[in-house]
Amino acid sequence: MATTNHKSRIMGAVLSRFRVIDLTPPSNLDWINRAKEILEAEGLSPTHQDVAMMLQSFDGSARDLIDLIEETVMASKAVTP
């Protein structure tokens, strides 16, 4: 098993040994509920609208989403005494 975002860069001889499954990345709307759950687990109380606004211009991967959420939590804790 392997994952990549750059299937076209893999040599055909190697690629032929895998079963290729193309996945459509989730949209920002797909991430709202999960991001809200994580933020709440970190002690924040965002509304659905707050999270939707946070993700409005987000265009990264799931890994990037985790980074964004961590930055949001850290920024919130820096402001809250």
Protein backbone atom coordinates (compact mmCIF):
# COMPACT_ATOMS: atom_id res chain seq x y z
CA MET A 1 0.00 0.00 0.00
CA ALA A 2 1.17 3.53 -0.76
CA THR A 3 -0.34 6.98 -1.05
CA THR A 4 0.64 9.92 -3.19
CA ASN A 5 -0.76 13.12 -4.59
CA HIS A 6 1.53 12.78 -7.61
CA LYS A 7 0.56 9.56 -9.34
CA SER A 8 1.92 10.89 -12.64
CA ARG A 9 5.45 11.04 -11.20
CA ILE A 10 5.61 7.31 -10.47
CA MET A 11 7.27 5.09 -13.06
CA GLY A 12 4.76 2.99 -14.98
CA ALA A 13 6.52 -0.26 -14.05
CA VAL A 14 6.10 0.55 -10.36
CA LEU A 15 2.58 1.92 -10.72
CA SER A 16 1.43 -1.26 -12.50
CA ARG A 17 2.09 -3.20 -9.29
CA PHE A 18 -0.50 -1.23 -7.36
CA ARG A 19 -4.24 -1.01 -7.51
CA VAL A 20 -4.85 2.70 -8.12
CA ILE A 21 -7.78 4.35 -6.38
CA ASP A 22 -8.36 8.03 -7.14
CA LEU A 23 -9.99 9.89 -4.27
CA THR A 24 -11.64 13.26 -4.40
CA PRO A 25 -10.36 15.44 -1.57
CA PRO A 26 -12.97 16.54 0.98
CA SER A 27 -14.38 20.03 0.57
CA ASN A 28 -14.09 22.62 3.32
CA LEU A 29 -17.72 21.96 4.24
CA ASP A 30 -16.81 18.32 4.83
CA TRP A 31 -14.27 19.36 7.47
CA ILE A 32 -16.46 21.72 9.53
CA ASN A 33 -17.94 19.19 11.96
CA ARG A 34 -14.63 17.40 12.55
CA ALA A 35 -12.71 20.65 13.05
CA LYS A 36 -15.40 21.84 15.48
CA GLU A 37 -15.14 18.59 17.48
CA ILE A 38 -11.36 18.93 17.75
CA LEU A 39 -11.58 22.58 18.81
CA GLU A 40 -14.19 21.69 21.44
CA ALA A 41 -12.00 18.85 22.74
CA GLU A 42 -9.26 21.46 23.18
CA GLY A 43 -11.55 23.54 25.39
CA LEU A 44 -12.81 26.06 22.83
CA SER A 45 -16.47 26.76 22.09
CA PRO A 46 -16.69 27.70 18.40
CA THR A 47 -20.01 27.92 16.62
CA HIS A 48 -20.60 26.12 13.34
CA GLN A 49 -20.36 29.54 11.67
CA ASP A 50 -17.02 30.30 13.38
CA VAL A 51 -15.48 27.11 12.03
CA ALA A 52 -16.99 27.66 8.57
CA MET A 53 -15.41 31.12 8.50
CA MET A 54 -12.06 29.72 9.67
CA LEU A 55 -12.13 27.23 6.79
CA GLN A 56 -13.50 29.66 4.19
CA SER A 57 -10.18 30.20 2.42
CA PHE A 58 -8.53 26.92 3.49
CA ASP A 59 -7.21 24.90 0.54
CA GLY A 60 -4.79 22.43 2.09
CA SER A 61 -4.68 18.75 2.93
CA ALA A 62 -5.85 17.01 6.10
CA ARG A 63 -2.33 17.48 7.48
CA ASP A 64 -2.58 21.20 6.79
CA LEU A 65 -5.97 21.26 8.52
CA ILE A 66 -4.44 19.82 11.69
CA ASP A 67 -1.78 22.53 11.57
CA LEU A 68 -4.46 25.22 11.18
CA ILE A 69 -6.43 23.83 14.12
CA GLU A 70 -3.30 23.64 16.28
CA GLU A 71 -2.41 27.24 15.42
CA THR A 72 -5.96 28.31 16.28
CA VAL A 73 -5.83 26.53 19.65
CA MET A 74 -2.40 27.96 20.49
CA ALA A 75 -3.48 31.48 19.50
CA SER A 76 -6.60 31.15 21.64
CA LYS A 77 -4.60 29.99 24.65
CA ALA A 78 -2.15 32.87 24.19
CA VAL A 79 -5.02 35.38 24.36
CA THR A 80 -6.87 33.66 27.22
CA PRO A 81 -5.19 34.21 30.62
